[in-house]
Amino acid sequence: MLIEALLATARKRLITIRDGAPLIEAAKLLSSIQKTSLVVVCKRDGRMAGVVTKADVVREISSCQGCSCTVPVSATMSRDVVACRPQDSLRDVWHLMQDRDLKQLPVIDHDSMPLGLLYASDALQVLLNEAEFEDLQLRDYVMGVGYR
């Protein structure tokens, strides 16, 4: 199965912000949506520039003094982002998420335009459903169901 099968759900979960926006705007976005802990930061042309997580916001705000909390998102964001593409294998992406301990992963196109946000829970559910189906098929094959 490919990531594109989960793209409709991933699109609904995508939250973006411009790289010049104040960090407080990212904090508002992150606090308004309960399950999301990641906002995709985009350049002026819409391409992904990085991501900001709840941990990034907390780390920055904990060192703020006075007006320093007006720092732009670009100063706090992670620039080295792990992302996937619609044509990637779901199993490969799942292993990548496990290896890097990622709960959410941006889905981007070939031009680095964000398409969605893949949640590990969605990927796992699809993989579990796929495994259950394969188990049922194997059981039916062994039991001779459908063969005469």
Protein backbone atom coordinates (compact mmCIF):
# COMPACT_ATOMS: atom_id res chain seq x y z
CA MET A 1 0.00 0.00 0.00
CA LEU A 2 1.17 3.52 -0.77
CA ILE A 3 0.91 6.71 1.26
CA GLU A 4 -1.45 8.14 -1.36
CA ALA A 5 -4.16 5.81 0.02
CA LEU A 6 -4.08 7.87 3.26
CA LEU A 7 -3.75 11.26 1.57
CA ALA A 8 -7.38 12.32 2.05
CA THR A 9 -7.07 11.91 5.83
CA ALA A 10 -3.58 13.44 5.87
CA ARG A 11 -4.84 16.54 4.01
CA LYS A 12 -7.45 17.20 6.70
CA ARG A 13 -4.74 17.20 9.38
CA LEU A 14 -2.29 19.54 7.69
CA ILE A 15 -1.64 22.82 9.49
CA THR A 16 0.72 25.33 7.89
CA ILE A 17 2.18 28.67 8.87
CA ARG A 18 4.42 31.15 7.04
CA ASP A 19 8.07 31.21 8.08
CA GLY A 20 7.90 34.91 9.02
CA ALA A 21 4.91 34.52 11.35
CA PRO A 22 5.51 35.10 15.05
CA LEU A 23 6.01 31.98 17.15
CA ILE A 24 2.96 32.88 19.22
CA GLU A 25 0.81 32.18 16.12
CA ALA A 26 2.24 28.66 15.90
CA ALA A 27 1.53 28.22 19.61
CA LYS A 28 -2.11 29.22 19.04
CA LEU A 29 -2.45 26.73 16.17
CA LEU A 30 -0.90 23.93 18.21
CA SER A 31 -3.13 24.62 21.20
CA SER A 32 -6.33 24.81 19.14
CA ILE A 33 -6.06 21.30 17.70
CA GLN A 34 -5.74 18.66 20.37
CA LYS A 35 -4.01 15.74 18.61
CA THR A 36 -1.59 17.82 16.57
CA SER A 37 1.88 18.47 17.89
CA LEU A 38 3.40 19.67 14.63
CA VAL A 39 2.88 22.63 12.28
CA VAL A 40 4.48 22.70 8.83
CA VAL A 41 6.34 25.96 8.19
CA CYS A 42 6.18 27.19 4.60
CA LYS A 43 8.17 29.71 2.60
CA ARG A 44 6.46 32.50 0.70
CA ASP A 45 6.10 30.24 -2.36
CA GLY A 46 4.31 27.57 -0.31
CA ARG A 47 7.17 25.07 -0.14
CA MET A 48 7.99 23.43 3.15
CA ALA A 49 10.82 25.16 5.00
CA GLY A 50 10.62 23.21 8.25
CA VAL A 51 8.36 22.21 11.11
CA VAL A 52 7.58 23.58 14.56
CA THR A 53 6.53 21.24 17.35
CA LYS A 54 4.95 21.88 20.72
CA ALA A 55 8.35 21.09 22.28
CA ASP A 56 9.98 23.78 20.11
CA VAL A 57 7.43 26.36 21.26
CA VAL A 58 7.82 25.45 24.93
CA ARG A 59 11.62 25.54 24.69
CA GLU A 60 11.60 29.00 23.07
CA ILE A 61 8.97 30.54 25.31
CA SER A 62 10.71 29.26 28.45
CA SER A 63 13.68 31.48 27.61
CA CYS A 64 11.65 34.55 26.59
CA GLN A 65 12.11 37.82 28.41
CA GLY A 66 10.03 40.85 27.68
CA CYS A 67 9.41 41.37 23.99
CA SER A 68 11.68 38.47 22.90
CA CYS A 69 8.61 36.25 22.49
CA THR A 70 8.01 37.91 19.14
CA VAL A 71 10.64 35.66 17.56
CA PRO A 72 9.61 34.42 14.09
CA VAL A 73 8.75 30.78 13.53
CA SER A 74 11.78 30.46 11.23
CA ALA A 75 14.13 31.05 14.19
CA THR A 76 12.70 28.11 16.13
CA MET A 77 11.68 25.61 13.46
CA SER A 78 13.49 22.37 12.65
CA ARG A 79 14.90 22.65 9.14
CA ASP A 80 16.10 19.07 8.72
CA VAL A 81 12.67 17.51 8.30
CA VAL A 82 11.86 13.88 7.66
CA ALA A 83 8.96 13.73 5.20
CA CYS A 84 7.35 11.23 2.87
CA ARG A 85 5.78 11.35 -0.56
CA PRO A 86 2.47 9.89 -1.84
CA GLN A 87 4.27 7.21 -3.87
CA ASP A 88 6.22 5.90 -0.83
CA SER A 89 5.37 2.51 0.62
CA LEU A 90 3.33 2.71 3.80
CA ARG A 91 5.40 -0.08 5.39
CA ASP A 92 8.65 1.77 4.64
CA VAL A 93 7.27 5.00 6.07
CA TRP A 94 5.99 3.17 9.15
CA HIS A 95 9.47 1.72 9.78
CA LEU A 96 10.98 5.18 9.33
CA MET A 97 8.53 6.62 11.85
CA GLN A 98 9.38 3.83 14.30
CA ASP A 99 13.13 4.23 13.86
CA ARG A 100 12.98 7.99 14.44
CA ASP A 101 10.25 7.86 17.09
CA LEU A 102 7.95 10.13 15.04
CA LYS A 103 4.23 10.43 15.73
CA GLN A 104 3.50 12.68 12.75
CA LEU A 105 5.17 13.06 9.38
CA PRO A 106 4.58 15.66 6.65
CA VAL A 107 3.57 14.37 3.22
CA ILE A 108 5.09 16.48 0.44
CA ASP A 109 5.11 16.44 -3.35
CA HIS A 110 8.21 16.44 -5.57
CA ASP A 111 8.45 20.25 -5.23
CA SER A 112 8.37 20.11 -1.39
CA MET A 113 4.82 21.46 -1.31
CA PRO A 114 3.02 20.10 1.77
CA LEU A 115 0.11 17.80 0.94
CA GLY A 116 -0.83 16.47 4.36
CA LEU A 117 0.24 15.26 7.76
CA LEU A 118 0.42 11.51 8.33
CA TYR A 119 -0.28 10.33 11.87
CA ALA A 120 1.43 7.15 13.08
CA SER A 121 -1.92 5.94 14.45
CA ASP A 122 -3.49 6.10 10.96
CA ALA A 123 -0.59 4.24 9.38
CA LEU A 124 -0.69 1.58 12.09
CA GLN A 125 -4.44 1.09 11.73
CA VAL A 126 -4.15 0.52 7.97
CA LEU A 127 -1.26 -1.90 8.45
CA LEU A 128 -3.18 -3.83 11.13
CA ASN A 129 -6.25 -4.06 8.88
CA GLU A 130 -4.05 -5.29 6.06
CA ALA A 131 -2.49 -7.96 8.31
CA GLU A 132 -5.92 -9.12 9.49
CA PHE A 133 -7.09 -9.47 5.89
CA GLU A 134 -3.99 -11.49 4.99
CA ASP A 135 -4.56 -13.75 8.03
CA LEU A 136 -8.15 -14.38 6.95
CA GLN A 137 -7.07 -15.21 3.42
CA LEU A 138 -4.40 -17.61 4.69
CA ARG A 139 -6.89 -19.30 7.03
CA ASP A 140 -9.40 -19.70 4.19
CA TYR A 141 -6.70 -21.12 1.94
CA VAL A 142 -5.55 -23.66 4.56
CA MET A 143 -9.13 -24.68 5.33
CA GLY A 144 -9.98 -24.98 1.65
CA VAL A 145 -12.80 -22.42 1.82
CA GLY A 146 -13.97 -21.61 -1.66
CA TYR A 147 -12.37 -24.69 -3.22
CA ARG A 148 -14.39 -27.72 -4.34
